[in-house]
Amino acid sequence: MFGALMGEVGNRGNIELLEPKAAAIIDKWQRRSYSSGREYSISSSLSNNNSLLTINGESQFIAPQSDWVDTSLYLYGKIYEEGGLSKVNLHILTERYGKLTVNATEEQLTEGDQKLYKIYGLWVKGKQNLATGQLKDLELIDYLNYQPEYDEIVLQKLIKKATTNWATIPNKDQWLQEIRGGANE
């Protein structure tokens, strides 16, 4: 499978078929090849060809960079590491994105309560890949007070009110289609 994929990448002359991490490695080798004159060759013991893919100063295996957009978002999770001597940052474990590194200032890390090993919300800015959702270059804007507790009495009142209102709608699917403006038809 690997040999066939690398052979196809070599035949097409681009890395669009590759997963983002693999494409980033080929892109890195291509850039090194331009600056150093080195040549990289990928081969397989199953192939009769000497090389499935050759990266040199003549090739153009550059990953497209247009998939990354500036974003601002809220992250919720457990802060499991803080600090850094030259690169001050914190590490947060989120359900949605897994482990993330967020750049911060020393002042942001030291102000307020001790946040290590506690669940917090973070307001961050950075870049997000449109195709994969992957995040990079995250910077802390502010901490959010995260209180996952709720008032049971208020919740029950809201459920009761919604149930009464929902009962007056005869065709709920049609109503939702109309509200969504025909989306998912």
N, C-alpha and C. Protein backbone atom coordinates (compact mmCIF):
# COMPACT_ATOMS: atom_id res chain seq x y z
N MET A 1 0.82 -1.19 0.00
CA MET A 1 0.00 0.00 0.00
C MET A 1 0.87 1.26 0.00
N PHE A 2 1.90 1.26 0.85
CA PHE A 2 2.80 2.42 0.93
C PHE A 2 3.48 2.65 -0.41
N GLY A 3 3.99 1.56 -1.00
CA GLY A 3 4.68 1.67 -2.27
C GLY A 3 3.78 2.22 -3.37
N ALA A 4 2.54 1.74 -3.41
CA ALA A 4 1.60 2.21 -4.43
C ALA A 4 1.29 3.70 -4.23
N LEU A 5 1.13 4.11 -2.98
CA LEU A 5 0.83 5.50 -2.69
C LEU A 5 2.00 6.40 -3.07
N MET A 6 3.21 6.02 -2.67
CA MET A 6 4.39 6.83 -3.01
C MET A 6 4.61 6.86 -4.52
N GLY A 7 4.37 5.73 -5.19
CA GLY A 7 4.49 5.70 -6.64
C GLY A 7 3.51 6.65 -7.31
N GLU A 8 2.29 6.69 -6.82
CA GLU A 8 1.28 7.59 -7.39
C GLU A 8 1.63 9.05 -7.12
N VAL A 9 2.12 9.33 -5.92
CA VAL A 9 2.57 10.70 -5.60
C VAL A 9 3.69 11.10 -6.56
N GLY A 10 4.64 10.19 -6.79
CA GLY A 10 5.74 10.47 -7.71
C GLY A 10 5.25 10.68 -9.14
N ASN A 11 4.29 9.86 -9.58
CA ASN A 11 3.75 10.00 -10.94
C ASN A 11 2.99 11.31 -11.13
N ARG A 12 2.20 11.68 -10.15
CA ARG A 12 1.40 12.90 -10.24
C ARG A 12 2.23 14.16 -10.04
N GLY A 13 3.28 14.02 -9.25
CA GLY A 13 4.12 15.18 -8.98
C GLY A 13 3.55 16.12 -7.93
N ASN A 14 2.58 15.63 -7.14
CA ASN A 14 2.07 16.45 -6.04
C ASN A 14 1.71 15.57 -4.85
N ILE A 15 1.51 16.20 -3.69
CA ILE A 15 1.31 15.44 -2.44
C ILE A 15 -0.11 15.55 -1.90
N GLU A 16 -1.06 15.89 -2.76
CA GLU A 16 -2.44 16.04 -2.33
C GLU A 16 -3.06 14.74 -1.83
N LEU A 17 -2.56 13.60 -2.26
CA LEU A 17 -3.09 12.29 -1.84
C LEU A 17 -2.72 11.94 -0.40
N LEU A 18 -1.69 12.56 0.13
CA LEU A 18 -1.14 12.17 1.43
C LEU A 18 -1.92 12.78 2.59
N GLU A 19 -1.87 12.09 3.72
CA GLU A 19 -2.41 12.63 4.97
C GLU A 19 -1.60 13.87 5.33
N PRO A 20 -2.18 14.80 6.11
CA PRO A 20 -1.47 16.04 6.42
C PRO A 20 -0.07 15.88 7.00
N LYS A 21 0.11 14.93 7.91
CA LYS A 21 1.44 14.76 8.53
C LYS A 21 2.46 14.26 7.52
N ALA A 22 2.07 13.30 6.69
CA ALA A 22 2.98 12.78 5.68
C ALA A 22 3.30 13.86 4.65
N ALA A 23 2.29 14.64 4.26
CA ALA A 23 2.51 15.74 3.31
C ALA A 23 3.47 16.77 3.89
N ALA A 24 3.36 17.02 5.19
CA ALA A 24 4.24 18.00 5.85
C ALA A 24 5.69 17.52 5.83
N ILE A 25 5.91 16.21 5.99
CA ILE A 25 7.27 15.66 5.96
C ILE A 25 7.87 15.80 4.56
N ILE A 26 7.10 15.44 3.54
CA ILE A 26 7.58 15.57 2.16
C ILE A 26 7.85 17.04 1.85
N ASP A 27 6.96 17.92 2.29
CA ASP A 27 7.14 19.36 2.09
C ASP A 27 8.43 19.84 2.74
N LYS A 28 8.72 19.35 3.94
CA LYS A 28 9.94 19.73 4.66
C LYS A 28 11.18 19.26 3.90
N TRP A 29 11.14 18.02 3.40
CA TRP A 29 12.27 17.51 2.63
C TRP A 29 12.46 18.32 1.35
N GLN A 30 11.33 18.70 0.71
CA GLN A 30 11.43 19.48 -0.53
C GLN A 30 12.08 20.82 -0.25
N ARG A 31 11.70 21.48 0.81
CA ARG A 31 12.29 22.78 1.15
C ARG A 31 13.78 22.65 1.48
N ARG A 32 14.13 21.59 2.20
CA ARG A 32 15.55 21.33 2.49
C ARG A 32 16.33 21.09 1.21
N SER A 33 15.70 20.38 0.29
CA SER A 33 16.35 20.08 -0.98
C SER A 33 16.65 21.36 -1.75
N TYR A 34 15.72 22.31 -1.73
CA TYR A 34 15.93 23.59 -2.41
C TYR A 34 17.11 24.34 -1.80
N SER A 35 17.18 24.35 -0.46
CA SER A 35 18.21 25.15 0.19
C SER A 35 19.58 24.46 0.25
N SER A 36 19.59 23.13 0.33
CA SER A 36 20.87 22.44 0.51
C SER A 36 21.36 21.70 -0.72
N GLY A 37 20.49 21.49 -1.70
CA GLY A 37 20.88 20.73 -2.89
C GLY A 37 20.82 19.22 -2.68
N ARG A 38 20.34 18.79 -1.51
CA ARG A 38 20.22 17.36 -1.22
C ARG A 38 19.15 16.71 -2.09
N GLU A 39 19.28 15.41 -2.22
CA GLU A 39 18.26 14.64 -2.94
C GLU A 39 17.77 13.53 -2.02
N TYR A 40 16.46 13.39 -1.92
CA TYR A 40 15.85 12.35 -1.10
C TYR A 40 15.16 11.37 -2.04
N SER A 41 15.28 10.09 -1.71
CA SER A 41 14.70 9.05 -2.56
C SER A 41 13.93 8.08 -1.68
N ILE A 42 12.70 7.78 -2.07
CA ILE A 42 11.87 6.81 -1.36
C ILE A 42 11.68 5.62 -2.28
N SER A 43 12.01 4.43 -1.75
CA SER A 43 11.88 3.22 -2.56
C SER A 43 11.24 2.12 -1.73
N SER A 44 10.93 1.02 -2.39
CA SER A 44 10.31 -0.12 -1.74
C SER A 44 11.00 -1.40 -2.20
N SER A 45 11.14 -2.34 -1.30
CA SER A 45 11.75 -3.62 -1.67
C SER A 45 10.84 -4.42 -2.59
N LEU A 46 9.57 -4.08 -2.64
CA LEU A 46 8.62 -4.79 -3.50
C LEU A 46 8.58 -4.24 -4.92
N SER A 47 9.18 -3.09 -5.13
CA SER A 47 9.12 -2.43 -6.43
C SER A 47 10.34 -2.77 -7.27
N ASN A 48 10.12 -2.95 -8.56
CA ASN A 48 11.24 -3.17 -9.48
C ASN A 48 11.98 -1.88 -9.74
N ASN A 49 11.30 -0.77 -9.55
CA ASN A 49 11.92 0.55 -9.76
C ASN A 49 12.94 0.81 -8.66
N ASN A 50 13.95 1.54 -8.99
CA ASN A 50 14.92 1.92 -7.97
C ASN A 50 14.31 2.90 -6.99
N SER A 51 13.50 3.82 -7.50
CA SER A 51 12.94 4.86 -6.65
C SER A 51 11.49 5.12 -7.02
N LEU A 52 10.62 5.12 -6.01
CA LEU A 52 9.21 5.45 -6.23
C LEU A 52 9.00 6.95 -6.28
N LEU A 53 9.81 7.65 -5.49
CA LEU A 53 9.64 9.10 -5.36
C LEU A 53 11.02 9.71 -5.13
N THR A 54 11.35 10.71 -5.93
CA THR A 54 12.62 11.40 -5.77
C THR A 54 12.35 12.87 -5.52
N ILE A 55 12.93 13.39 -4.45
CA ILE A 55 12.75 14.79 -4.08
C ILE A 55 14.10 15.47 -4.25
N ASN A 56 14.14 16.47 -5.11
CA ASN A 56 15.39 17.20 -5.35
C ASN A 56 15.05 18.65 -5.71
N GLY A 57 16.05 19.38 -6.13
CA GLY A 57 15.86 20.78 -6.47
C GLY A 57 14.98 21.00 -7.68
N GLU A 58 14.75 19.98 -8.47
CA GLU A 58 13.91 20.07 -9.66
C GLU A 58 12.44 19.75 -9.36
N SER A 59 12.18 18.95 -8.33
CA SER A 59 10.79 18.55 -8.01
C SER A 59 10.06 19.68 -7.28
N GLN A 60 8.76 19.53 -7.19
CA GLN A 60 7.93 20.58 -6.55
C GLN A 60 6.88 19.96 -5.66
N PHE A 61 7.29 19.21 -4.66
CA PHE A 61 6.37 18.59 -3.71
C PHE A 61 6.14 19.53 -2.53
N ILE A 62 5.34 20.56 -2.74
CA ILE A 62 5.07 21.56 -1.71
C ILE A 62 3.63 21.39 -1.24
N ALA A 63 3.44 21.32 0.06
CA ALA A 63 2.08 21.20 0.62
C ALA A 63 1.33 22.52 0.44
N PRO A 64 0.07 22.45 0.03
CA PRO A 64 -0.71 23.68 -0.08
C PRO A 64 -0.92 24.31 1.30
N GLN A 65 -0.75 25.61 1.38
CA GLN A 65 -0.85 26.29 2.67
C GLN A 65 -2.16 27.03 2.86
N SER A 66 -3.04 26.99 1.87
CA SER A 66 -4.26 27.79 1.92
C SER A 66 -5.34 27.21 2.82
N ASP A 67 -5.13 26.00 3.36
CA ASP A 67 -6.16 25.38 4.18
C ASP A 67 -6.23 25.93 5.60
N TRP A 68 -5.26 26.76 6.00
CA TRP A 68 -5.21 27.28 7.36
C TRP A 68 -5.85 28.66 7.42
N VAL A 69 -6.76 28.84 8.39
CA VAL A 69 -7.43 30.13 8.57
C VAL A 69 -7.24 30.59 10.02
N ASP A 70 -7.26 31.90 10.20
CA ASP A 70 -7.20 32.46 11.55
C ASP A 70 -8.51 32.15 12.26
N THR A 71 -8.41 31.81 13.53
CA THR A 71 -9.60 31.47 14.29
C THR A 71 -9.47 31.94 15.73
N SER A 72 -10.60 32.07 16.36
CA SER A 72 -10.68 32.35 17.79
C SER A 72 -11.71 31.37 18.33
N LEU A 73 -11.37 30.63 19.38
CA LEU A 73 -12.30 29.63 19.88
C LEU A 73 -12.12 29.41 21.38
N TYR A 74 -13.08 28.69 21.94
CA TYR A 74 -13.06 28.34 23.35
C TYR A 74 -12.69 26.88 23.48
N LEU A 75 -11.75 26.60 24.37
CA LEU A 75 -11.33 25.24 24.66
C LEU A 75 -11.65 24.93 26.11
N TYR A 76 -12.11 23.72 26.37
CA TYR A 76 -12.40 23.29 27.73
C TYR A 76 -11.65 22.00 28.00
N GLY A 77 -10.96 21.95 29.13
CA GLY A 77 -10.24 20.74 29.48
C GLY A 77 -9.36 20.93 30.69
N LYS A 78 -8.56 19.91 30.98
CA LYS A 78 -7.68 19.91 32.15
C LYS A 78 -6.31 20.45 31.77
N ILE A 79 -5.86 21.46 32.49
CA ILE A 79 -4.52 21.99 32.30
C ILE A 79 -3.56 21.06 33.02
N TYR A 80 -2.65 20.44 32.28
CA TYR A 80 -1.77 19.45 32.90
C TYR A 80 -0.30 19.87 32.94
N GLU A 81 0.03 21.02 32.35
CA GLU A 81 1.41 21.49 32.41
C GLU A 81 1.43 22.99 32.14
N GLU A 82 2.28 23.70 32.87
CA GLU A 82 2.45 25.14 32.68
C GLU A 82 3.93 25.47 32.79
N GLY A 83 4.35 26.52 32.10
CA GLY A 83 5.72 26.98 32.29
C GLY A 83 6.47 27.19 31.00
N GLY A 84 7.77 27.01 31.11
CA GLY A 84 8.65 27.22 29.97
C GLY A 84 9.59 28.37 30.22
N LEU A 85 10.84 28.17 29.96
CA LEU A 85 11.84 29.21 30.19
C LEU A 85 11.91 30.17 29.00
N SER A 86 12.05 29.61 27.80
CA SER A 86 12.13 30.48 26.63
C SER A 86 10.79 30.59 25.90
N LYS A 87 9.99 29.53 25.94
CA LYS A 87 8.65 29.54 25.34
C LYS A 87 7.63 29.27 26.44
N VAL A 88 7.05 30.33 26.94
CA VAL A 88 6.07 30.20 28.03
C VAL A 88 4.76 29.71 27.44
N ASN A 89 4.23 28.61 27.99
CA ASN A 89 2.99 28.05 27.48
C ASN A 89 2.31 27.19 28.52
N LEU A 90 1.14 26.70 28.15
CA LEU A 90 0.45 25.72 28.98
C LEU A 90 -0.04 24.61 28.08
N HIS A 91 -0.28 23.46 28.69
CA HIS A 91 -0.77 22.30 27.94
C HIS A 91 -2.12 21.92 28.52
N ILE A 92 -3.10 21.72 27.62
CA ILE A 92 -4.45 21.40 28.04
C ILE A 92 -4.90 20.13 27.32
N LEU A 93 -5.59 19.26 28.04
CA LEU A 93 -6.15 18.05 27.47
C LEU A 93 -7.64 18.27 27.27
N THR A 94 -8.08 18.28 26.01
CA THR A 94 -9.49 18.52 25.70
C THR A 94 -10.10 17.24 25.14
N GLU A 95 -11.41 17.12 25.28
CA GLU A 95 -12.12 15.97 24.72
C GLU A 95 -12.11 16.01 23.20
N ARG A 96 -12.31 17.18 22.65
CA ARG A 96 -12.48 17.33 21.21
C ARG A 96 -11.16 17.28 20.42
N TYR A 97 -10.12 17.97 20.91
CA TYR A 97 -8.88 18.11 20.16
C TYR A 97 -7.71 17.32 20.74
N GLY A 98 -7.90 16.71 21.89
CA GLY A 98 -6.80 16.00 22.53
C GLY A 98 -5.86 16.97 23.24
N LYS A 99 -4.56 16.64 23.23
CA LYS A 99 -3.56 17.47 23.90
C LYS A 99 -3.17 18.65 23.01
N LEU A 100 -3.21 19.85 23.58
CA LEU A 100 -2.86 21.06 22.84
C LEU A 100 -1.88 21.90 23.64
N THR A 101 -1.00 22.58 22.93
CA THR A 101 -0.08 23.54 23.55
C THR A 101 -0.57 24.93 23.21
N VAL A 102 -0.68 25.78 24.24
CA VAL A 102 -1.17 27.15 24.06
C VAL A 102 -0.11 28.11 24.57
N ASN A 103 0.39 28.98 23.71
CA ASN A 103 1.37 29.98 24.12
C ASN A 103 0.70 31.00 25.04
N ALA A 104 1.43 31.45 26.04
CA ALA A 104 0.91 32.40 27.02
C ALA A 104 2.05 33.30 27.48
N THR A 105 1.70 34.28 28.28
CA THR A 105 2.74 35.11 28.89
C THR A 105 2.95 34.63 30.32
N GLU A 106 4.07 34.99 30.89
CA GLU A 106 4.35 34.62 32.27
C GLU A 106 3.31 35.23 33.21
N GLU A 107 2.90 36.44 32.88
CA GLU A 107 1.88 37.13 33.68
C GLU A 107 0.55 36.36 33.66
N GLN A 108 0.16 35.86 32.49
CA GLN A 108 -1.09 35.11 32.39
C GLN A 108 -1.05 33.83 33.23
N LEU A 109 0.11 33.19 33.28
CA LEU A 109 0.22 31.94 34.03
C LEU A 109 0.27 32.15 35.54
N THR A 110 0.77 33.30 35.96
CA THR A 110 0.94 33.51 37.40
C THR A 110 -0.20 34.28 38.07
N GLU A 111 -1.04 34.96 37.30
CA GLU A 111 -2.12 35.73 37.92
C GLU A 111 -3.27 34.82 38.34
N GLY A 112 -3.92 35.19 39.42
CA GLY A 112 -5.10 34.46 39.87
C GLY A 112 -4.77 33.15 40.57
N ASP A 113 -5.77 32.27 40.55
CA ASP A 113 -5.67 30.99 41.24
C ASP A 113 -4.72 30.03 40.54
N GLN A 114 -4.30 29.02 41.28
CA GLN A 114 -3.50 27.92 40.74
C GLN A 114 -4.40 27.12 39.77
N LYS A 115 -3.98 26.97 38.53
CA LYS A 115 -4.82 26.34 37.51
C LYS A 115 -4.37 24.93 37.14
N LEU A 116 -3.19 24.54 37.58
CA LEU A 116 -2.63 23.25 37.21
C LEU A 116 -3.49 22.11 37.75
N TYR A 117 -3.76 21.14 36.89
CA TYR A 117 -4.56 19.95 37.17
C TYR A 117 -6.01 20.27 37.51
N LYS A 118 -6.49 21.39 37.00
CA LYS A 118 -7.90 21.76 37.17
C LYS A 118 -8.52 21.94 35.79
N ILE A 119 -9.83 21.78 35.73
CA ILE A 119 -10.55 21.97 34.47
C ILE A 119 -10.85 23.45 34.31
N TYR A 120 -10.46 23.97 33.13
CA TYR A 120 -10.65 25.39 32.83
C TYR A 120 -11.15 25.54 31.41
N GLY A 121 -11.72 26.69 31.16
CA GLY A 121 -12.03 27.11 29.81
C GLY A 121 -10.99 28.12 29.38
N LEU A 122 -10.57 28.05 28.13
CA LEU A 122 -9.60 29.00 27.60
C LEU A 122 -10.18 29.66 26.35
N TRP A 123 -10.00 30.95 26.26
CA TRP A 123 -10.31 31.66 25.02
C TRP A 123 -8.98 31.84 24.32
N VAL A 124 -8.84 31.26 23.13
CA VAL A 124 -7.57 31.28 22.41
C VAL A 124 -7.76 31.77 20.98
N LYS A 125 -6.65 32.19 20.38
CA LYS A 125 -6.64 32.49 18.95
C LYS A 125 -5.51 31.70 18.34
N GLY A 126 -5.64 31.42 17.05
CA GLY A 126 -4.61 30.66 16.37
C GLY A 126 -5.02 30.37 14.95
N LYS A 127 -4.56 29.24 14.44
CA LYS A 127 -4.89 28.83 13.08
C LYS A 127 -5.55 27.46 13.12
N GLN A 128 -6.54 27.26 12.23
CA GLN A 128 -7.24 25.99 12.14
C GLN A 128 -7.27 25.53 10.69
N ASN A 129 -7.01 24.24 10.49
CA ASN A 129 -7.04 23.67 9.16
C ASN A 129 -8.49 23.39 8.77
N LEU A 130 -8.92 23.92 7.64
CA LEU A 130 -10.30 23.75 7.20
C LEU A 130 -10.63 22.30 6.88
N ALA A 131 -9.69 21.56 6.37
CA ALA A 131 -9.95 20.18 5.97
C ALA A 131 -9.95 19.22 7.16
N THR A 132 -9.00 19.40 8.09
CA THR A 132 -8.84 18.42 9.17
C THR A 132 -9.34 18.92 10.53
N GLY A 133 -9.49 20.24 10.68
CA GLY A 133 -9.88 20.79 11.98
C GLY A 133 -8.71 20.96 12.93
N GLN A 134 -7.52 20.54 12.51
CA GLN A 134 -6.33 20.61 13.35
C GLN A 134 -6.04 22.06 13.73
N LEU A 135 -5.53 22.26 14.95
CA LEU A 135 -5.20 23.59 15.45
C LEU A 135 -3.69 23.75 15.57
N LYS A 136 -3.21 25.00 15.35
CA LYS A 136 -1.79 25.28 15.55
C LYS A 136 -1.62 26.75 15.91
N ASP A 137 -0.42 27.09 16.41
CA ASP A 137 -0.06 28.47 16.75
C ASP A 137 -1.07 29.11 17.72
N LEU A 138 -1.49 28.35 18.72
CA LEU A 138 -2.50 28.85 19.66
C LEU A 138 -1.89 29.82 20.67
N GLU A 139 -2.61 30.91 20.95
CA GLU A 139 -2.20 31.89 21.95
C GLU A 139 -3.36 32.15 22.89
N LEU A 140 -3.05 32.19 24.17
CA LEU A 140 -4.07 32.43 25.19
C LEU A 140 -4.52 33.89 25.15
N ILE A 141 -5.84 34.09 25.08
CA ILE A 141 -6.40 35.43 25.20
C ILE A 141 -6.84 35.64 26.65
N ASP A 142 -7.59 34.66 27.18
CA ASP A 142 -8.08 34.80 28.55
C ASP A 142 -8.55 33.45 29.07
N TYR A 143 -8.62 33.35 30.38
CA TYR A 143 -9.21 32.19 31.04
C TYR A 143 -10.71 32.42 31.18
N LEU A 144 -11.48 31.33 31.16
CA LEU A 144 -12.91 31.41 31.34
C LEU A 144 -13.28 30.68 32.62
N ASN A 145 -14.22 31.24 33.35
CA ASN A 145 -14.72 30.53 34.52
C ASN A 145 -15.59 29.39 34.04
N TYR A 146 -15.15 28.19 34.29
CA TYR A 146 -15.87 27.00 33.82
C TYR A 146 -16.53 26.35 35.02
N GLN A 147 -17.85 26.40 35.03
CA GLN A 147 -18.62 25.80 36.11
C GLN A 147 -19.68 24.89 35.51
N PRO A 148 -19.36 23.60 35.39
CA PRO A 148 -20.29 22.68 34.74
C PRO A 148 -21.50 22.32 35.60
N GLU A 149 -21.68 22.99 36.71
CA GLU A 149 -22.83 22.72 37.57
C GLU A 149 -24.04 23.48 37.05
N TYR A 150 -25.23 22.99 37.37
CA TYR A 150 -26.46 23.65 36.94
C TYR A 150 -27.50 23.54 38.06
N ASP A 151 -28.51 24.36 37.94
CA ASP A 151 -29.59 24.38 38.92
C ASP A 151 -30.69 23.44 38.42
N GLU A 152 -30.93 22.35 39.14
CA GLU A 152 -31.89 21.33 38.73
C GLU A 152 -33.30 21.89 38.63
N ILE A 153 -33.69 22.78 39.52
CA ILE A 153 -35.04 23.36 39.51
C ILE A 153 -35.24 24.20 38.25
N VAL A 154 -34.25 25.03 37.91
CA VAL A 154 -34.34 25.87 36.71
C VAL A 154 -34.40 24.97 35.47
N LEU A 155 -33.58 23.92 35.43
CA LEU A 155 -33.58 23.01 34.30
C LEU A 155 -34.95 22.36 34.12
N GLN A 156 -35.56 21.88 35.19
CA GLN A 156 -36.87 21.23 35.10
C GLN A 156 -37.95 22.20 34.62
N LYS A 157 -37.89 23.46 35.07
CA LYS A 157 -38.85 24.47 34.61
C LYS A 157 -38.72 24.69 33.10
N LEU A 158 -37.48 24.78 32.62
CA LEU A 158 -37.25 24.98 31.19
C LEU A 158 -37.72 23.77 30.36
N ILE A 159 -37.48 22.58 30.86
CA ILE A 159 -37.93 21.37 30.16
C ILE A 159 -39.45 21.35 30.08
N LYS A 160 -40.10 21.70 31.17
CA LYS A 160 -41.57 21.71 31.19
C LYS A 160 -42.12 22.72 30.19
N LYS A 161 -41.54 23.91 30.16
CA LYS A 161 -41.98 24.96 29.23
C LYS A 161 -41.75 24.52 27.78
N ALA A 162 -40.61 23.94 27.50
CA ALA A 162 -40.30 23.50 26.15
C ALA A 162 -41.21 22.36 25.72
N THR A 163 -41.50 21.45 26.63
CA THR A 163 -42.38 20.32 26.32
C THR A 163 -43.77 20.81 25.94
N THR A 164 -44.29 21.78 26.67
CA THR A 164 -45.60 22.36 26.38
C THR A 164 -45.60 23.02 25.00
N ASN A 165 -44.57 23.81 24.72
CA ASN A 165 -44.48 24.49 23.43
C ASN A 165 -44.28 23.50 22.27
N TRP A 166 -43.47 22.49 22.49
CA TRP A 166 -43.17 21.50 21.47
C TRP A 166 -44.41 20.70 21.10
N ALA A 167 -45.30 20.48 22.07
CA ALA A 167 -46.52 19.71 21.84
C ALA A 167 -47.48 20.41 20.88
N THR A 168 -47.37 21.72 20.73
CA THR A 168 -48.28 22.46 19.84
C THR A 168 -47.86 22.36 18.38
N ILE A 169 -46.73 21.78 18.09
CA ILE A 169 -46.24 21.66 16.71
C ILE A 169 -46.62 20.28 16.18
N PRO A 170 -47.52 20.24 15.17
CA PRO A 170 -48.01 18.94 14.70
C PRO A 170 -46.95 18.12 13.95
N ASN A 171 -46.22 18.72 13.01
CA ASN A 171 -45.22 18.00 12.23
C ASN A 171 -43.85 18.59 12.56
N LYS A 172 -43.19 18.01 13.52
CA LYS A 172 -41.93 18.56 14.03
C LYS A 172 -40.81 18.54 12.99
N ASP A 173 -40.75 17.46 12.18
CA ASP A 173 -39.72 17.38 11.14
C ASP A 173 -39.89 18.49 10.10
N GLN A 174 -41.10 18.72 9.66
CA GLN A 174 -41.37 19.77 8.68
C GLN A 174 -41.04 21.14 9.27
N TRP A 175 -41.41 21.34 10.52
CA TRP A 175 -41.14 22.62 11.19
C TRP A 175 -39.64 22.89 11.26
N LEU A 176 -38.88 21.85 11.61
CA LEU A 176 -37.42 21.99 11.68
C LEU A 176 -36.83 22.31 10.31
N GLN A 177 -37.33 21.65 9.25
CA GLN A 177 -36.87 21.95 7.89
C GLN A 177 -37.10 23.41 7.54
N GLU A 178 -38.28 23.93 7.90
CA GLU A 178 -38.61 25.33 7.60
C GLU A 178 -37.70 26.29 8.38
N ILE A 179 -37.46 25.98 9.64
CA ILE A 179 -36.60 26.81 10.48
C ILE A 179 -35.17 26.84 9.93
N ARG A 180 -34.72 25.69 9.46
CA ARG A 180 -33.36 25.58 8.92
C ARG A 180 -33.23 26.14 7.51
N GLY A 181 -34.32 26.60 6.95
CA GLY A 181 -34.27 27.16 5.60
C GLY A 181 -34.06 26.12 4.53
N GLY A 182 -34.58 24.91 4.77
CA GLY A 182 -34.48 23.86 3.76
C GLY A 182 -33.18 23.08 3.84
N ALA A 183 -32.34 23.34 4.83
CA ALA A 183 -31.07 22.60 4.96
C ALA A 183 -31.37 21.12 5.21
N ASN A 184 -30.50 20.26 4.75
CA ASN A 184 -30.59 18.79 4.92
C ASN A 184 -31.76 18.18 4.17
N GLU A 185 -32.24 18.81 3.10
CA GLU A 185 -33.32 18.22 2.32
C GLU A 185 -32.78 17.18 1.39
